[in-house]
Amino acid sequence: MKKWTVMLIPHDRGSTRNLTLSSWHLWGIVVLLAWLTFTSAFFFERNRVVQAKARELRRINRTLELENAQKPAVVQPVGLREEEEREIEERLRAEYETSIATITAELSDLYDMEAKARDITGLAPRTGKAAEAPAVGGQGKGGPPGSLAAFAYGGIEEVIRPPQVVYGLSRPSADLILQEIRLRTQSLRELVVDMEAQVDRIERVPSIWPLAGGVGQIMSGFGYRRDPFTHRIRLHEGTDISARYGTRVRATAKGVVTSSGYERHYGNIVRISHGNGMQTCYAHLSKRLVKKGDVVKREDVIGVLGSTGRSTGPHLHYEVRMGGKPVDAERYLTD
């Protein structure tokens, strides 16, 4: 390790002193000087930043003081006189009563509209129990749709009016009007459900010509006739409609395909169930375009006219059955 000797010689009389320094001493002095320099610079910069922030805060404070000095003093409202308070109260009451009268008139129009809709559709209102909340658990009900007869509702006058009569009151309360609005809303909601059920039932009733474009001609109707093969008198359970080979055959009502296959006498045949025990059959097809389980709508093409099975020529054997028994299909051919 290198060492240095520093000789200290005084100007006046005195003994000379020798100071021996190693490299560690020199490095220590250098590090000490560097640390002191960094510390001084850090505190100097920090002091400068703090002074700058203080000057900015003083400037903002002076600006706020000037703005507050320029704002006009808030004038406290003078208390209203008793007569003015009564006038304001009466005006507010009159506005409230006018609003209630307007709402009541609109509600009356809503009631009249509902009554007309029910009169047109023939759907009477449900009983009052329909508006109650359903019980939880153990009260499930179901089953297939009923016949197309009228719904079994209670009397119209039992529930068409609210339990508390709003109509005719000069000053019905807001709670009473709100209750009536809820009652009318529930009644209209049930009316929509009933109308949708009626539309669905109507869509399931065969009511169109089974051949696309309305082509074809009835060659043999429902009832007893002379069999074209045996020439014996037998019951013809369907309606034979003659048309060109390849004519499109369409479903006459909404339903589900219950069978689609080939049978000895009927040839290619498609059977569709429309619910409520009603079924239609389309026989002697040259091609079937639906399969069992398919859901079809009225006018959907289900096959192509042909002459398969026990047939004398291209035609469609069309049947309508109720509860499994054939009925006269011509009663359902409306176009």
Protein backbone atom coordinates (compact mmCIF):
# COMPACT_ATOMS: atom_id res chain seq x y z
CA MET A 1 0.00 0.00 0.00
CA LYS A 2 1.36 3.36 -1.00
CA LYS A 3 1.94 5.98 1.66
CA TRP A 4 2.56 9.69 1.50
CA THR A 5 4.33 11.88 4.04
CA VAL A 6 3.20 15.45 4.49
CA MET A 7 5.72 17.75 6.21
CA LEU A 8 4.35 20.74 8.10
CA ILE A 9 6.96 23.51 8.56
CA PRO A 10 5.92 26.53 10.65
CA HIS A 11 7.02 30.08 9.62
CA ASP A 12 8.17 30.95 13.05
CA ARG A 13 10.31 28.99 15.28
CA GLY A 14 9.03 25.62 16.10
CA SER A 15 9.54 21.99 15.44
CA THR A 16 8.65 20.46 12.08
CA ARG A 17 5.79 17.92 12.00
CA ASN A 18 5.40 14.94 9.66
CA LEU A 19 1.99 13.50 8.71
CA THR A 20 1.92 10.08 7.06
CA LEU A 21 -1.14 9.34 4.84
CA SER A 22 -2.09 6.10 3.13
CA SER A 23 -4.35 5.65 0.02
CA TRP A 24 -7.29 4.79 2.29
CA HIS A 25 -7.03 8.18 3.94
CA LEU A 26 -7.04 9.93 0.58
CA TRP A 27 -10.08 8.02 -0.66
CA GLY A 28 -11.92 8.74 2.56
CA ILE A 29 -11.27 12.47 2.15
CA VAL A 30 -12.49 12.31 -1.48
CA VAL A 31 -15.70 10.46 -0.52
CA LEU A 32 -16.38 12.90 2.31
CA LEU A 33 -16.00 15.88 -0.01
CA ALA A 34 -18.31 14.25 -2.61
CA TRP A 35 -21.01 13.50 0.01
CA LEU A 36 -20.87 17.06 1.33
CA THR A 37 -21.18 18.43 -2.22
CA PHE A 38 -24.24 16.23 -3.04
CA THR A 39 -25.97 17.05 0.24
CA SER A 40 -25.49 20.77 -0.25
CA ALA A 41 -26.84 20.62 -3.80
CA PHE A 42 -29.91 18.56 -2.69
CA PHE A 43 -30.90 20.94 0.09
CA PHE A 44 -30.32 23.95 -2.16
CA GLU A 45 -32.66 22.55 -4.88
CA ARG A 46 -35.28 21.56 -2.31
CA ASN A 47 -35.28 25.04 -0.85
CA ARG A 48 -35.71 26.52 -4.33
CA VAL A 49 -38.76 24.29 -5.09
CA VAL A 50 -40.42 25.09 -1.75
CA GLN A 51 -39.98 28.82 -2.32
CA ALA A 52 -41.49 28.51 -5.82
CA LYS A 53 -44.57 26.68 -4.44
CA ALA A 54 -44.94 29.29 -1.72
CA ARG A 55 -44.90 32.07 -4.30
CA GLU A 56 -47.57 30.21 -6.39
CA LEU A 57 -49.81 29.74 -3.35
CA ARG A 58 -49.51 33.44 -2.45
CA ARG A 59 -50.48 34.34 -6.04
CA ILE A 60 -53.55 32.05 -5.96
CA ASN A 61 -54.56 33.46 -2.59
CA ARG A 62 -54.40 37.04 -3.93
CA THR A 63 -56.47 36.03 -6.97
CA LEU A 64 -59.19 34.46 -4.78
CA GLU A 65 -59.27 37.51 -2.56
CA LEU A 66 -59.80 39.75 -5.59
CA GLU A 67 -62.59 37.52 -6.95
CA ASN A 68 -64.38 37.45 -3.61
CA ALA A 69 -64.08 41.19 -3.32
CA GLN A 70 -65.73 41.66 -6.76
CA LYS A 71 -68.77 39.35 -6.05
CA PRO A 72 -71.91 41.24 -5.03
CA ALA A 73 -73.30 40.52 -1.66
CA VAL A 74 -76.09 37.92 -1.58
CA VAL A 75 -79.38 39.48 -0.77
CA GLN A 76 -81.33 37.38 1.66
CA PRO A 77 -84.93 36.86 0.55
CA VAL A 78 -87.48 38.76 2.42
CA GLY A 79 -90.06 36.63 4.20
CA LEU A 80 -93.35 36.17 2.33
CA ARG A 81 -96.44 37.70 3.69
CA GLU A 82 -99.31 35.49 4.81
CA GLU A 83 -101.48 36.58 1.86
CA GLU A 84 -98.74 35.70 -0.61
CA GLU A 85 -98.29 32.29 0.98
CA ARG A 86 -102.02 31.59 0.65
CA GLU A 87 -101.97 32.66 -3.00
CA ILE A 88 -99.07 30.35 -3.76
CA GLU A 89 -100.75 27.49 -1.90
CA GLU A 90 -104.02 28.01 -3.78
CA ARG A 91 -102.21 28.15 -7.13
CA LEU A 92 -100.34 24.93 -6.40
CA ARG A 93 -103.56 23.23 -5.28
CA ALA A 94 -105.32 24.35 -8.46
CA GLU A 95 -102.47 23.03 -10.60
CA TYR A 96 -102.57 19.73 -8.70
CA GLU A 97 -106.32 19.37 -9.16
CA THR A 98 -105.98 20.19 -12.87
CA SER A 99 -103.32 17.49 -13.23
CA ILE A 100 -105.49 14.97 -11.37
CA ALA A 101 -108.45 15.82 -13.62
CA THR A 102 -106.32 15.37 -16.74
CA ILE A 103 -104.96 12.01 -15.52
CA THR A 104 -108.47 10.85 -14.62
CA ALA A 105 -109.75 11.80 -18.09
CA GLU A 106 -106.87 9.93 -19.76
CA LEU A 107 -107.55 6.94 -17.52
CA SER A 108 -111.21 7.02 -18.51
CA ASP A 109 -110.18 6.98 -22.19
CA LEU A 110 -107.92 4.00 -21.45
CA TYR A 111 -110.84 2.17 -19.84
CA ASP A 112 -113.08 2.89 -22.83
CA MET A 113 -110.39 1.68 -25.21
CA GLU A 114 -110.00 -1.56 -23.27
CA ALA A 115 -113.76 -2.09 -23.22
CA LYS A 116 -113.94 -1.61 -27.01
CA ALA A 117 -111.03 -4.03 -27.55
CA ARG A 118 -112.74 -6.67 -25.44
CA ASP A 119 -116.03 -6.07 -27.23
CA ILE A 120 -114.38 -6.48 -30.64
CA THR A 121 -112.40 -9.60 -29.69
CA GLY A 122 -115.15 -11.12 -27.57
CA LEU A 123 -112.66 -11.63 -24.72
CA ALA A 124 -114.26 -10.87 -21.39
CA PRO A 125 -112.04 -9.81 -18.45
CA ARG A 126 -110.70 -12.40 -16.06
CA THR A 127 -111.87 -12.60 -12.47
CA GLY A 128 -110.32 -10.36 -9.87
CA LYS A 129 -108.15 -13.22 -8.61
CA ALA A 130 -106.05 -12.99 -11.76
CA ALA A 131 -104.42 -9.81 -10.50
CA GLU A 132 -103.30 -11.41 -7.24
CA ALA A 133 -99.76 -12.64 -6.76
CA PRO A 134 -99.41 -16.37 -7.55
CA ALA A 135 -98.81 -18.76 -4.68
CA VAL A 136 -95.32 -20.25 -4.46
CA GLY A 137 -95.01 -23.94 -5.24
CA GLY A 138 -97.61 -26.68 -5.54
CA GLN A 139 -100.04 -24.67 -7.67
CA GLY A 140 -98.85 -25.55 -11.21
CA LYS A 141 -101.48 -26.06 -13.86
CA GLY A 142 -101.29 -27.02 -17.52
CA GLY A 143 -102.69 -29.03 -20.38
CA PRO A 144 -103.42 -28.70 -24.08
CA PRO A 145 -105.40 -25.72 -25.39
CA GLY A 146 -109.16 -26.07 -25.22
CA SER A 147 -111.69 -25.76 -27.98
CA LEU A 148 -112.43 -22.59 -29.89
CA ALA A 149 -115.47 -21.89 -27.70
CA ALA A 150 -115.68 -18.67 -25.70
CA PHE A 151 -113.45 -18.35 -22.63
CA ALA A 152 -114.95 -19.24 -19.25
CA TYR A 153 -114.75 -15.84 -17.60
CA GLY A 154 -116.73 -14.28 -14.84
CA GLY A 155 -119.24 -11.57 -15.48
CA ILE A 156 -117.92 -8.41 -17.10
CA GLU A 157 -119.34 -6.10 -14.48
CA GLU A 158 -117.59 -8.03 -11.70
CA VAL A 159 -114.11 -6.79 -12.54
CA ILE A 160 -114.29 -4.33 -15.43
CA ARG A 161 -114.59 -1.56 -12.85
CA PRO A 162 -111.99 -1.13 -10.09
CA PRO A 163 -112.81 -2.03 -6.47
CA GLN A 164 -112.74 1.69 -5.66
CA VAL A 165 -114.64 3.62 -8.30
CA VAL A 166 -112.38 6.34 -9.75
CA TYR A 167 -114.64 7.39 -12.58
CA GLY A 168 -117.13 10.01 -11.49
CA LEU A 169 -115.20 11.16 -8.42
CA SER A 170 -114.53 14.88 -8.40
CA ARG A 171 -111.26 14.61 -6.48
CA PRO A 172 -109.84 11.09 -6.53
CA SER A 173 -106.63 10.66 -4.56
CA ALA A 174 -103.30 10.02 -6.24
CA ASP A 175 -103.10 6.58 -4.56
CA LEU A 176 -106.52 5.67 -5.96
CA ILE A 177 -105.51 6.75 -9.47
CA LEU A 178 -102.25 4.78 -9.21
CA GLN A 179 -104.17 1.70 -8.09
CA GLU A 180 -106.55 2.06 -11.03
CA ILE A 181 -103.64 2.45 -13.48
CA ARG A 182 -102.11 -0.78 -12.15
CA LEU A 183 -105.47 -2.55 -12.49
CA ARG A 184 -105.92 -1.37 -16.09
CA THR A 185 -102.32 -2.31 -16.94
CA GLN A 186 -102.82 -5.83 -15.58
CA SER A 187 -106.13 -6.15 -17.42
CA LEU A 188 -104.60 -5.05 -20.73
CA ARG A 189 -101.66 -7.41 -20.20
CA GLU A 190 -104.10 -10.31 -19.74
CA LEU A 191 -106.03 -9.14 -22.79
CA VAL A 192 -102.85 -9.33 -24.88
CA VAL A 193 -102.14 -12.86 -23.58
CA ASP A 194 -105.69 -13.95 -24.41
CA MET A 195 -105.51 -12.41 -27.88
CA GLU A 196 -102.21 -14.18 -28.55
CA ALA A 197 -103.81 -17.46 -27.42
CA GLN A 198 -106.77 -16.80 -29.73
CA VAL A 199 -104.44 -16.03 -32.65
CA ASP A 200 -102.53 -19.25 -31.99
CA ARG A 201 -105.78 -21.26 -31.95
CA ILE A 202 -106.92 -19.61 -35.18
CA GLU A 203 -103.58 -20.37 -36.83
CA ARG A 204 -104.07 -24.05 -35.92
CA VAL A 205 -107.42 -24.33 -37.70
CA PRO A 206 -107.14 -25.56 -41.35
CA SER A 207 -108.47 -22.71 -43.45
CA ILE A 208 -106.68 -22.48 -46.81
CA TRP A 209 -106.50 -24.36 -50.10
CA PRO A 210 -103.81 -27.06 -49.78
CA LEU A 211 -102.29 -26.48 -53.23
CA ALA A 212 -100.00 -23.50 -53.80
CA GLY A 213 -101.36 -20.82 -56.10
CA GLY A 214 -104.94 -21.97 -55.57
CA VAL A 215 -104.69 -24.39 -58.52
CA GLY A 216 -106.55 -27.69 -58.78
CA GLN A 217 -110.11 -28.93 -58.89
CA ILE A 218 -112.09 -31.15 -56.53
CA MET A 219 -112.74 -34.44 -58.31
CA SER A 220 -114.19 -36.45 -55.43
CA GLY A 221 -115.58 -35.15 -52.15
CA PHE A 222 -116.10 -36.55 -48.69
CA GLY A 223 -118.75 -39.25 -48.23
CA TYR A 224 -119.93 -42.46 -49.83
CA ARG A 225 -118.92 -43.03 -53.46
CA ARG A 226 -118.23 -45.81 -55.92
CA ASP A 227 -114.65 -47.03 -55.48
CA PRO A 228 -112.67 -46.40 -58.74
CA PHE A 229 -110.94 -49.80 -58.41
CA THR A 230 -113.59 -52.17 -56.99
CA HIS A 231 -116.67 -50.13 -58.11
CA ARG A 232 -118.26 -50.83 -54.74
CA ILE A 233 -119.93 -48.17 -52.61
CA ARG A 234 -117.49 -47.16 -49.87
CA LEU A 235 -116.88 -44.20 -47.57
CA HIS A 236 -114.35 -41.75 -48.99
CA GLU A 237 -112.72 -40.18 -45.94
CA GLY A 238 -111.06 -37.28 -47.72
CA THR A 239 -111.28 -34.85 -50.62
CA ASP A 240 -109.47 -35.56 -53.90
CA ILE A 241 -108.05 -32.45 -55.60
CA SER A 242 -106.72 -32.98 -59.12
CA ALA A 243 -103.80 -30.84 -60.39
CA ARG A 244 -100.61 -31.02 -62.42
CA TYR A 245 -97.92 -33.45 -61.33
CA GLY A 246 -95.32 -31.59 -59.24
CA THR A 247 -97.67 -28.94 -57.84
CA ARG A 248 -96.49 -27.77 -54.42
CA VAL A 249 -98.59 -28.96 -51.48
CA ARG A 250 -98.74 -26.68 -48.46
CA ALA A 251 -99.84 -27.06 -44.83
CA THR A 252 -103.28 -25.61 -44.26
CA ALA A 253 -102.60 -24.64 -40.64
CA LYS A 254 -99.90 -24.39 -38.01
CA GLY A 255 -98.94 -27.69 -36.40
CA VAL A 256 -96.41 -30.47 -35.83
CA VAL A 257 -95.65 -33.25 -38.30
CA THR A 258 -96.63 -36.51 -36.59
CA SER A 259 -95.70 -38.83 -39.46
CA SER A 260 -94.03 -38.59 -42.85
CA GLY A 261 -93.59 -41.83 -44.77
CA TYR A 262 -94.97 -44.30 -47.30
CA GLU A 263 -98.14 -46.31 -46.76
CA ARG A 264 -99.65 -48.97 -49.01
CA HIS A 265 -102.86 -47.21 -50.00
CA TYR A 266 -101.91 -43.59 -49.34
CA GLY A 267 -98.46 -43.71 -50.92
CA ASN A 268 -96.27 -40.87 -49.68
CA ILE A 269 -98.28 -39.24 -46.90
CA VAL A 270 -97.72 -36.46 -44.39
CA ARG A 271 -99.83 -36.13 -41.24
CA ILE A 272 -99.88 -32.91 -39.21
CA SER A 273 -101.34 -32.48 -35.73
CA HIS A 274 -102.83 -29.05 -35.03
CA GLY A 275 -103.74 -29.62 -31.39
CA ASN A 276 -107.17 -29.93 -29.83
CA GLY A 277 -107.58 -33.34 -31.52
CA MET A 278 -107.43 -31.87 -35.04
CA GLN A 279 -105.27 -33.46 -37.74
CA THR A 280 -104.76 -33.03 -41.50
CA CYS A 281 -103.43 -35.63 -43.94
CA TYR A 282 -101.81 -35.13 -47.38
CA ALA A 283 -101.56 -38.35 -49.43
CA HIS A 284 -100.33 -39.63 -52.85
CA LEU A 285 -97.38 -37.19 -52.80
CA SER A 286 -94.52 -37.71 -55.22
CA LYS A 287 -92.09 -36.23 -52.68
CA ARG A 288 -92.21 -35.44 -48.97
CA LEU A 289 -90.37 -32.27 -47.86
CA VAL A 290 -90.85 -32.53 -44.07
CA LYS A 291 -90.05 -35.14 -41.47
CA LYS A 292 -91.63 -36.27 -38.23
CA GLY A 293 -91.31 -33.69 -35.47
CA ASP A 294 -91.03 -30.68 -37.79
CA VAL A 295 -93.02 -27.61 -36.77
CA VAL A 296 -94.80 -26.07 -39.74
CA LYS A 297 -96.77 -22.88 -40.24
CA ARG A 298 -99.73 -22.23 -42.46
CA GLU A 299 -98.68 -22.08 -46.17
CA ASP A 300 -95.36 -23.90 -45.54
CA VAL A 301 -94.65 -26.29 -48.45
CA ILE A 302 -94.60 -29.85 -47.11
CA GLY A 303 -94.51 -31.94 -50.31
CA VAL A 304 -95.09 -32.26 -54.03
CA LEU A 305 -98.27 -33.58 -55.65
CA GLY A 306 -98.01 -37.00 -57.29
CA SER A 307 -99.80 -40.31 -57.81
CA THR A 308 -98.17 -42.75 -55.38
CA GLY A 309 -100.07 -45.55 -53.63
CA ARG A 310 -103.60 -46.51 -54.62
CA SER A 311 -104.21 -43.74 -57.17
CA THR A 312 -105.60 -43.41 -60.65
CA GLY A 313 -103.67 -40.24 -61.53
CA PRO A 314 -101.96 -37.12 -60.15
CA HIS A 315 -104.02 -35.70 -57.34
CA LEU A 316 -103.93 -34.83 -53.64
CA HIS A 317 -105.98 -36.83 -51.16
CA TYR A 318 -106.65 -34.30 -48.38
CA GLU A 319 -108.20 -35.28 -45.04
CA VAL A 320 -109.27 -33.42 -41.92
CA ARG A 321 -109.80 -35.48 -38.77
CA MET A 322 -111.28 -34.50 -35.41
CA GLY A 323 -110.49 -36.82 -32.51
CA GLY A 324 -109.28 -39.42 -35.02
CA LYS A 325 -112.55 -39.40 -37.00
CA PRO A 326 -112.67 -38.01 -40.56
CA VAL A 327 -114.83 -34.97 -41.26
CA ASP A 328 -115.72 -33.14 -44.47
CA ALA A 329 -112.53 -31.28 -45.44
CA GLU A 330 -114.41 -28.97 -47.81
CA ARG A 331 -115.74 -27.06 -44.83
CA TYR A 332 -112.17 -25.85 -44.18
CA LEU A 333 -111.29 -24.93 -47.77
CA THR A 334 -111.76 -21.16 -47.78
CA ASP A 335 -109.64 -20.05 -50.74
